[in-house]
Amino acid sequence: MEKEVLAILENISGEDLSNQMDDNYFDNGLMDSMATVYLVLALQDKFGINVPVSEFDRSKWDTPNKVIERVKELADN
């Protein structure tokens, strides 16, 4: 799952994030609000999870490690 999430993030950001797992990609300019929409849609499609926009807190999704953890949590529910 981690490699799949990372592949989605790298596809959207256009960057190799494997050495930036705890770096905030919003602060680094690699992701913006439109990229976030693509990310949520890709994760929902790939993993069958539901990420309600109303509950989306960017601070919980701003690094590759955080995204992986959130996907794991949502997939377990």
PDB file of N, CA and C in Angstrom:
ATOM      1  N   MET A   1       0.820  -1.188   0.000  1.00  0.00           N
ATOM      2  CA  MET A   1       0.000   0.000   0.000  1.00  0.00           C
ATOM      3  C   MET A   1       0.870   1.261   0.000  1.00  0.00           C
ATOM      4  N   GLU A   2       1.957   1.231   0.760  1.00  0.00           N
ATOM      5  CA  GLU A   2       2.815   2.413   0.844  1.00  0.00           C
ATOM      6  C   GLU A   2       3.383   2.794  -0.516  1.00  0.00           C
ATOM      7  N   LYS A   3       3.840   1.799  -1.260  1.00  0.00           N
ATOM      8  CA  LYS A   3       4.410   2.078  -2.586  1.00  0.00           C
ATOM      9  C   LYS A   3       3.352   2.618  -3.538  1.00  0.00           C
ATOM     10  N   GLU A   4       2.134   2.115  -3.435  1.00  0.00           N
ATOM     11  CA  GLU A   4       1.048   2.589  -4.297  1.00  0.00           C
ATOM     12  C   GLU A   4       0.680   4.034  -3.979  1.00  0.00           C
ATOM     13  N   VAL A   5       0.608   4.351  -2.689  1.00  0.00           N
ATOM     14  CA  VAL A   5       0.310   5.727  -2.280  1.00  0.00           C
ATOM     15  C   VAL A   5       1.422   6.660  -2.751  1.00  0.00           C
ATOM     16  N   LEU A   6       2.646   6.245  -2.548  1.00  0.00           N
ATOM     17  CA  LEU A   6       3.782   7.061  -2.961  1.00  0.00           C
ATOM     18  C   LEU A   6       3.787   7.262  -4.481  1.00  0.00           C
ATOM     19  N   ALA A   7       3.441   6.238  -5.227  1.00  0.00           N
ATOM     20  CA  ALA A   7       3.377   6.359  -6.687  1.00  0.00           C
ATOM     21  C   ALA A   7       2.318   7.375  -7.108  1.00  0.00           C
ATOM     22  N   ILE A   8       1.183   7.376  -6.433  1.00  0.00           N
ATOM     23  CA  ILE A   8       0.124   8.351  -6.729  1.00  0.00           C
ATOM     24  C   ILE A   8       0.624   9.762  -6.435  1.00  0.00           C
ATOM     25  N   LEU A   9       1.235   9.945  -5.263  1.00  0.00           N
ATOM     26  CA  LEU A   9       1.761  11.263  -4.897  1.00  0.00           C
ATOM     27  C   LEU A   9       2.823  11.737  -5.885  1.00  0.00           C
ATOM     28  N   GLU A  10       3.697  10.840  -6.282  1.00  0.00           N
ATOM     29  CA  GLU A  10       4.764  11.217  -7.210  1.00  0.00           C
ATOM     30  C   GLU A  10       4.208  11.544  -8.590  1.00  0.00           C
ATOM     31  N   ASN A  11       3.177  10.821  -9.001  1.00  0.00           N
ATOM     32  CA  ASN A  11       2.544  11.108 -10.286  1.00  0.00           C
ATOM     33  C   ASN A  11       1.902  12.488 -10.287  1.00  0.00           C
ATOM     34  N   ILE A  12       1.251  12.827  -9.202  1.00  0.00           N
ATOM     35  CA  ILE A  12       0.572  14.125  -9.110  1.00  0.00           C
ATOM     36  C   ILE A  12       1.566  15.271  -8.943  1.00  0.00           C
ATOM     37  N   SER A  13       2.576  15.075  -8.104  1.00  0.00           N
ATOM     38  CA  SER A  13       3.525  16.153  -7.819  1.00  0.00           C
ATOM     39  C   SER A  13       4.624  16.265  -8.871  1.00  0.00           C
ATOM     40  N   GLY A  14       4.885  15.173  -9.582  1.00  0.00           N
ATOM     41  CA  GLY A  14       5.956  15.176 -10.563  1.00  0.00           C
ATOM     42  C   GLY A  14       7.335  15.066  -9.935  1.00  0.00           C
ATOM     43  N   GLU A  15       7.386  14.693  -8.670  1.00  0.00           N
ATOM     44  CA  GLU A  15       8.649  14.599  -7.931  1.00  0.00           C
ATOM     45  C   GLU A  15       8.811  13.223  -7.306  1.00  0.00           C
ATOM     46  N   ASP A  16      10.045  12.808  -7.140  1.00  0.00           N
ATOM     47  CA  ASP A  16      10.365  11.605  -6.390  1.00  0.00           C
ATOM     48  C   ASP A  16      10.326  11.989  -4.910  1.00  0.00           C
ATOM     49  N   LEU A  17       9.358  11.473  -4.201  1.00  0.00           N
ATOM     50  CA  LEU A  17       9.166  11.854  -2.804  1.00  0.00           C
ATOM     51  C   LEU A  17       9.713  10.823  -1.830  1.00  0.00           C
ATOM     52  N   SER A  18      10.356   9.786  -2.322  1.00  0.00           N
ATOM     53  CA  SER A  18      10.816   8.710  -1.452  1.00  0.00           C
ATOM     54  C   SER A  18      11.831   9.164  -0.410  1.00  0.00           C
ATOM     55  N   ASN A  19      12.543  10.242  -0.675  1.00  0.00           N
ATOM     56  CA  ASN A  19      13.494  10.784   0.299  1.00  0.00           C
ATOM     57  C   ASN A  19      12.941  12.008   1.021  1.00  0.00           C
ATOM     58  N   GLN A  20      11.630  12.239   0.862  1.00  0.00           N
ATOM     59  CA  GLN A  20      10.987  13.410   1.462  1.00  0.00           C
ATOM     60  C   GLN A  20       9.708  13.000   2.200  1.00  0.00           C
ATOM     61  N   MET A  21       9.750  11.862   2.849  1.00  0.00           N
ATOM     62  CA  MET A  21       8.544  11.272   3.422  1.00  0.00           C
ATOM     63  C   MET A  21       7.900  12.108   4.524  1.00  0.00           C
ATOM     64  N   ASP A  22       8.682  12.965   5.186  1.00  0.00           N
ATOM     65  CA  ASP A  22       8.120  13.815   6.236  1.00  0.00           C
ATOM     66  C   ASP A  22       8.138  15.296   5.855  1.00  0.00           C
ATOM     67  N   ASP A  23       8.472  15.591   4.609  1.00  0.00           N
ATOM     68  CA  ASP A  23       8.483  16.978   4.137  1.00  0.00           C
ATOM     69  C   ASP A  23       7.082  17.399   3.727  1.00  0.00           C
ATOM     70  N   ASN A  24       6.715  18.601   4.091  1.00  0.00           N
ATOM     71  CA  ASN A  24       5.407  19.148   3.746  1.00  0.00           C
ATOM     72  C   ASN A  24       5.422  19.559   2.281  1.00  0.00           C
ATOM     73  N   TYR A  25       4.710  18.806   1.440  1.00  0.00           N
ATOM     74  CA  TYR A  25       4.744  19.098   0.010  1.00  0.00           C
ATOM     75  C   TYR A  25       3.922  20.318  -0.366  1.00  0.00           C
ATOM     76  N   PHE A  26       3.053  20.787   0.497  1.00  0.00           N
ATOM     77  CA  PHE A  26       2.356  22.054   0.234  1.00  0.00           C
ATOM     78  C   PHE A  26       3.331  23.217   0.424  1.00  0.00           C
ATOM     79  N   ASP A  27       4.063  23.180   1.536  1.00  0.00           N
ATOM     80  CA  ASP A  27       5.049  24.228   1.807  1.00  0.00           C
ATOM     81  C   ASP A  27       6.157  24.243   0.762  1.00  0.00           C
ATOM     82  N   ASN A  28       6.487  23.067   0.229  1.00  0.00           N
ATOM     83  CA  ASN A  28       7.537  22.973  -0.789  1.00  0.00           C
ATOM     84  C   ASN A  28       7.050  23.331  -2.188  1.00  0.00           C
ATOM     85  N   GLY A  29       5.760  23.635  -2.320  1.00  0.00           N
ATOM     86  CA  GLY A  29       5.214  24.016  -3.621  1.00  0.00           C
ATOM     87  C   GLY A  29       4.991  22.860  -4.575  1.00  0.00           C
ATOM     88  N   LEU A  30       5.010  21.634  -4.067  1.00  0.00           N
ATOM     89  CA  LEU A  30       4.812  20.466  -4.931  1.00  0.00           C
ATOM     90  C   LEU A  30       3.344  20.120  -5.121  1.00  0.00           C
ATOM     91  N   MET A  31       2.508  20.572  -4.209  1.00  0.00           N
ATOM     92  CA  MET A  31       1.075  20.288  -4.281  1.00  0.00           C
ATOM     93  C   MET A  31       0.310  21.571  -3.971  1.00  0.00           C
ATOM     94  N   ASP A  32      -0.866  21.681  -4.595  1.00  0.00           N
ATOM     95  CA  ASP A  32      -1.754  22.809  -4.321  1.00  0.00           C
ATOM     96  C   ASP A  32      -3.170  22.255  -4.149  1.00  0.00           C
ATOM     97  N   SER A  33      -4.155  23.130  -4.084  1.00  0.00           N
ATOM     98  CA  SER A  33      -5.517  22.661  -3.830  1.00  0.00           C
ATOM     99  C   SER A  33      -6.045  21.783  -4.956  1.00  0.00           C
ATOM    100  N   MET A  34      -5.703  22.082  -6.200  1.00  0.00           N
ATOM    101  CA  MET A  34      -6.157  21.251  -7.313  1.00  0.00           C
ATOM    102  C   MET A  34      -5.490  19.870  -7.245  1.00  0.00           C
ATOM    103  N   ALA A  35      -4.214  19.840  -6.910  1.00  0.00           N
ATOM    104  CA  ALA A  35      -3.512  18.566  -6.765  1.00  0.00           C
ATOM    105  C   ALA A  35      -4.126  17.747  -5.636  1.00  0.00           C
ATOM    106  N   THR A  36      -4.608  18.414  -4.608  1.00  0.00           N
ATOM    107  CA  THR A  36      -5.252  17.732  -3.495  1.00  0.00           C
ATOM    108  C   THR A  36      -6.515  17.025  -3.958  1.00  0.00           C
ATOM    109  N   VAL A  37      -7.278  17.674  -4.809  1.00  0.00           N
ATOM    110  CA  VAL A  37      -8.491  17.056  -5.360  1.00  0.00           C
ATOM    111  C   VAL A  37      -8.111  15.800  -6.145  1.00  0.00           C
ATOM    112  N   TYR A  38      -7.088  15.905  -6.985  1.00  0.00           N
ATOM    113  CA  TYR A  38      -6.628  14.739  -7.741  1.00  0.00           C
ATOM    114  C   TYR A  38      -6.163  13.624  -6.803  1.00  0.00           C
ATOM    115  N   LEU A  39      -5.471  14.001  -5.743  1.00  0.00           N
ATOM    116  CA  LEU A  39      -4.987  13.026  -4.776  1.00  0.00           C
ATOM    117  C   LEU A  39      -6.148  12.282  -4.129  1.00  0.00           C
ATOM    118  N   VAL A  40      -7.128  13.009  -3.642  1.00  0.00           N
ATOM    119  CA  VAL A  40      -8.275  12.391  -2.978  1.00  0.00           C
ATOM    120  C   VAL A  40      -9.008  11.453  -3.939  1.00  0.00           C
ATOM    121  N   LEU A  41      -9.231  11.898  -5.156  1.00  0.00           N
ATOM    122  CA  LEU A  41      -9.927  11.067  -6.135  1.00  0.00           C
ATOM    123  C   LEU A  41      -9.129   9.806  -6.470  1.00  0.00           C
ATOM    124  N   ALA A  42      -7.833   9.952  -6.639  1.00  0.00           N
ATOM    125  CA  ALA A  42      -6.983   8.800  -6.961  1.00  0.00           C
ATOM    126  C   ALA A  42      -6.963   7.798  -5.814  1.00  0.00           C
ATOM    127  N   LEU A  43      -6.882   8.291  -4.585  1.00  0.00           N
ATOM    128  CA  LEU A  43      -6.867   7.398  -3.427  1.00  0.00           C
ATOM    129  C   LEU A  43      -8.202   6.686  -3.258  1.00  0.00           C
ATOM    130  N   GLN A  44      -9.285   7.395  -3.462  1.00  0.00           N
ATOM    131  CA  GLN A  44     -10.608   6.784  -3.372  1.00  0.00           C
ATOM    132  C   GLN A  44     -10.766   5.701  -4.429  1.00  0.00           C
ATOM    133  N   ASP A  45     -10.310   5.984  -5.644  1.00  0.00           N
ATOM    134  CA  ASP A  45     -10.414   5.029  -6.745  1.00  0.00           C
ATOM    135  C   ASP A  45      -9.538   3.804  -6.497  1.00  0.00           C
ATOM    136  N   LYS A  46      -8.312   4.012  -6.094  1.00  0.00           N
ATOM    137  CA  LYS A  46      -7.341   2.930  -5.925  1.00  0.00           C
ATOM    138  C   LYS A  46      -7.652   2.033  -4.735  1.00  0.00           C
ATOM    139  N   PHE A  47      -8.039   2.635  -3.630  1.00  0.00           N
ATOM    140  CA  PHE A  47      -8.187   1.879  -2.392  1.00  0.00           C
ATOM    141  C   PHE A  47      -9.633   1.695  -1.934  1.00  0.00           C
ATOM    142  N   GLY A  48     -10.577   2.276  -2.651  1.00  0.00           N
ATOM    143  CA  GLY A  48     -11.978   2.135  -2.286  1.00  0.00           C
ATOM    144  C   GLY A  48     -12.328   2.795  -0.967  1.00  0.00           C
ATOM    145  N   ILE A  49     -11.581   3.827  -0.621  1.00  0.00           N
ATOM    146  CA  ILE A  49     -11.841   4.539   0.632  1.00  0.00           C
ATOM    147  C   ILE A  49     -12.699   5.762   0.356  1.00  0.00           C
ATOM    148  N   ASN A  50     -13.284   6.302   1.405  1.00  0.00           N
ATOM    149  CA  ASN A  50     -14.090   7.512   1.284  1.00  0.00           C
ATOM    150  C   ASN A  50     -13.397   8.622   2.066  1.00  0.00           C
ATOM    151  N   VAL A  51     -13.065   9.687   1.361  1.00  0.00           N
ATOM    152  CA  VAL A  51     -12.420  10.837   1.992  1.00  0.00           C
ATOM    153  C   VAL A  51     -13.360  12.032   1.812  1.00  0.00           C
ATOM    154  N   PRO A  52     -14.276  12.245   2.761  1.00  0.00           N
ATOM    155  CA  PRO A  52     -15.206  13.364   2.634  1.00  0.00           C
ATOM    156  C   PRO A  52     -14.468  14.705   2.631  1.00  0.00           C
ATOM    157  N   VAL A  53     -14.773  15.520   1.657  1.00  0.00           N
ATOM    158  CA  VAL A  53     -14.133  16.826   1.545  1.00  0.00           C
ATOM    159  C   VAL A  53     -14.409  17.659   2.790  1.00  0.00           C
ATOM    160  N   SER A  54     -15.589  17.515   3.348  1.00  0.00           N
ATOM    161  CA  SER A  54     -15.945  18.288   4.539  1.00  0.00           C
ATOM    162  C   SER A  54     -15.074  17.925   5.742  1.00  0.00           C
ATOM    163  N   GLU A  55     -14.491  16.734   5.739  1.00  0.00           N
ATOM    164  CA  GLU A  55     -13.647  16.298   6.844  1.00  0.00           C
ATOM    165  C   GLU A  55     -12.160  16.359   6.499  1.00  0.00           C
ATOM    166  N   PHE A  56     -11.834  16.855   5.311  1.00  0.00           N
ATOM    167  CA  PHE A  56     -10.446  16.904   4.882  1.00  0.00           C
ATOM    168  C   PHE A  56      -9.719  18.020   5.609  1.00  0.00           C
ATOM    169  N   ASP A  57      -8.718  17.641   6.379  1.00  0.00           N
ATOM    170  CA  ASP A  57      -7.892  18.598   7.111  1.00  0.00           C
ATOM    171  C   ASP A  57      -6.493  18.531   6.505  1.00  0.00           C
ATOM    172  N   ARG A  58      -6.126  19.556   5.768  1.00  0.00           N
ATOM    173  CA  ARG A  58      -4.863  19.556   5.032  1.00  0.00           C
ATOM    174  C   ARG A  58      -3.658  19.239   5.918  1.00  0.00           C
ATOM    175  N   SER A  59      -3.696  19.646   7.174  1.00  0.00           N
ATOM    176  CA  SER A  59      -2.563  19.399   8.067  1.00  0.00           C
ATOM    177  C   SER A  59      -2.381  17.907   8.372  1.00  0.00           C
ATOM    178  N   LYS A  60      -3.414  17.106   8.121  1.00  0.00           N
ATOM    179  CA  LYS A  60      -3.311  15.661   8.339  1.00  0.00           C
ATOM    180  C   LYS A  60      -2.919  14.917   7.059  1.00  0.00           C
ATOM    181  N   TRP A  61      -2.755  15.667   5.953  1.00  0.00           N
ATOM    182  CA  TRP A  61      -2.457  15.077   4.650  1.00  0.00           C
ATOM    183  C   TRP A  61      -1.284  15.781   3.975  1.00  0.00           C
ATOM    184  N   ASP A  62      -0.396  16.415   4.704  1.00  0.00           N
ATOM    185  CA  ASP A  62       0.599  17.292   4.075  1.00  0.00           C
ATOM    186  C   ASP A  62       1.984  16.685   3.879  1.00  0.00           C
ATOM    187  N   THR A  63       2.149  15.407   4.246  1.00  0.00           N
ATOM    188  CA  THR A  63       3.421  14.725   3.975  1.00  0.00           C
ATOM    189  C   THR A  63       3.099  13.329   3.447  1.00  0.00           C
ATOM    190  N   PRO A  64       3.992  12.720   2.711  1.00  0.00           N
ATOM    191  CA  PRO A  64       3.730  11.352   2.248  1.00  0.00           C
ATOM    192  C   PRO A  64       3.439  10.376   3.392  1.00  0.00           C
ATOM    193  N   ASN A  65       4.179  10.461   4.490  1.00  0.00           N
ATOM    194  CA  ASN A  65       3.923   9.561   5.615  1.00  0.00           C
ATOM    195  C   ASN A  65       2.531   9.754   6.201  1.00  0.00           C
ATOM    196  N   LYS A  66       2.077  10.985   6.296  1.00  0.00           N
ATOM    197  CA  LYS A  66       0.734  11.248   6.823  1.00  0.00           C
ATOM    198  C   LYS A  66      -0.336  10.696   5.887  1.00  0.00           C
ATOM    199  N   VAL A  67      -0.127  10.832   4.586  1.00  0.00           N
ATOM    200  CA  VAL A  67      -1.099  10.306   3.623  1.00  0.00           C
ATOM    201  C   VAL A  67      -1.177   8.786   3.757  1.00  0.00           C
ATOM    202  N   ILE A  68      -0.041   8.141   3.846  1.00  0.00           N
ATOM    203  CA  ILE A  68      -0.021   6.685   3.994  1.00  0.00           C
ATOM    204  C   ILE A  68      -0.768   6.263   5.257  1.00  0.00           C
ATOM    205  N   GLU A  69      -0.528   6.941   6.362  1.00  0.00           N
ATOM    206  CA  GLU A  69      -1.211   6.612   7.613  1.00  0.00           C
ATOM    207  C   GLU A  69      -2.717   6.816   7.509  1.00  0.00           C
ATOM    208  N   ARG A  70      -3.136   7.917   6.904  1.00  0.00           N
ATOM    209  CA  ARG A  70      -4.576   8.192   6.750  1.00  0.00           C
ATOM    210  C   ARG A  70      -5.230   7.145   5.868  1.00  0.00           C
ATOM    211  N   VAL A  71      -4.576   6.755   4.784  1.00  0.00           N
ATOM    212  CA  VAL A  71      -5.141   5.739   3.896  1.00  0.00           C
ATOM    213  C   VAL A  71      -5.281   4.423   4.648  1.00  0.00           C
ATOM    214  N   LYS A  72      -4.280   4.057   5.437  1.00  0.00           N
ATOM    215  CA  LYS A  72      -4.346   2.832   6.219  1.00  0.00           C
ATOM    216  C   LYS A  72      -5.523   2.886   7.196  1.00  0.00           C
ATOM    217  N   GLU A  73      -5.694   4.017   7.872  1.00  0.00           N
ATOM    218  CA  GLU A  73      -6.803   4.173   8.819  1.00  0.00           C
ATOM    219  C   GLU A  73      -8.145   4.043   8.118  1.00  0.00           C
ATOM    220  N   LEU A  74      -8.288   4.703   6.992  1.00  0.00           N
ATOM    221  CA  LEU A  74      -9.562   4.685   6.272  1.00  0.00           C
ATOM    222  C   LEU A  74      -9.841   3.322   5.642  1.00  0.00           C
ATOM    223  N   ALA A  75      -8.805   2.631   5.220  1.00  0.00           N
ATOM    224  CA  ALA A  75      -8.977   1.312   4.610  1.00  0.00           C
ATOM    225  C   ALA A  75      -9.385   0.273   5.655  1.00  0.00           C
ATOM    226  N   ASP A  76      -8.970   0.492   6.894  1.00  0.00           N
ATOM    227  CA  ASP A  76      -9.304  -0.447   7.967  1.00  0.00           C
ATOM    228  C   ASP A  76     -10.748  -0.289   8.445  1.00  0.00           C
ATOM    229  N   ASN A  77     -11.373   0.816   8.119  1.00  0.00           N
ATOM    230  CA  ASN A  77     -12.753   1.072   8.581  1.00  0.00           C
ATOM    231  C   ASN A  77     -13.775   0.473   7.652  1.00  0.00           C
TER     232      ASN A  77
END
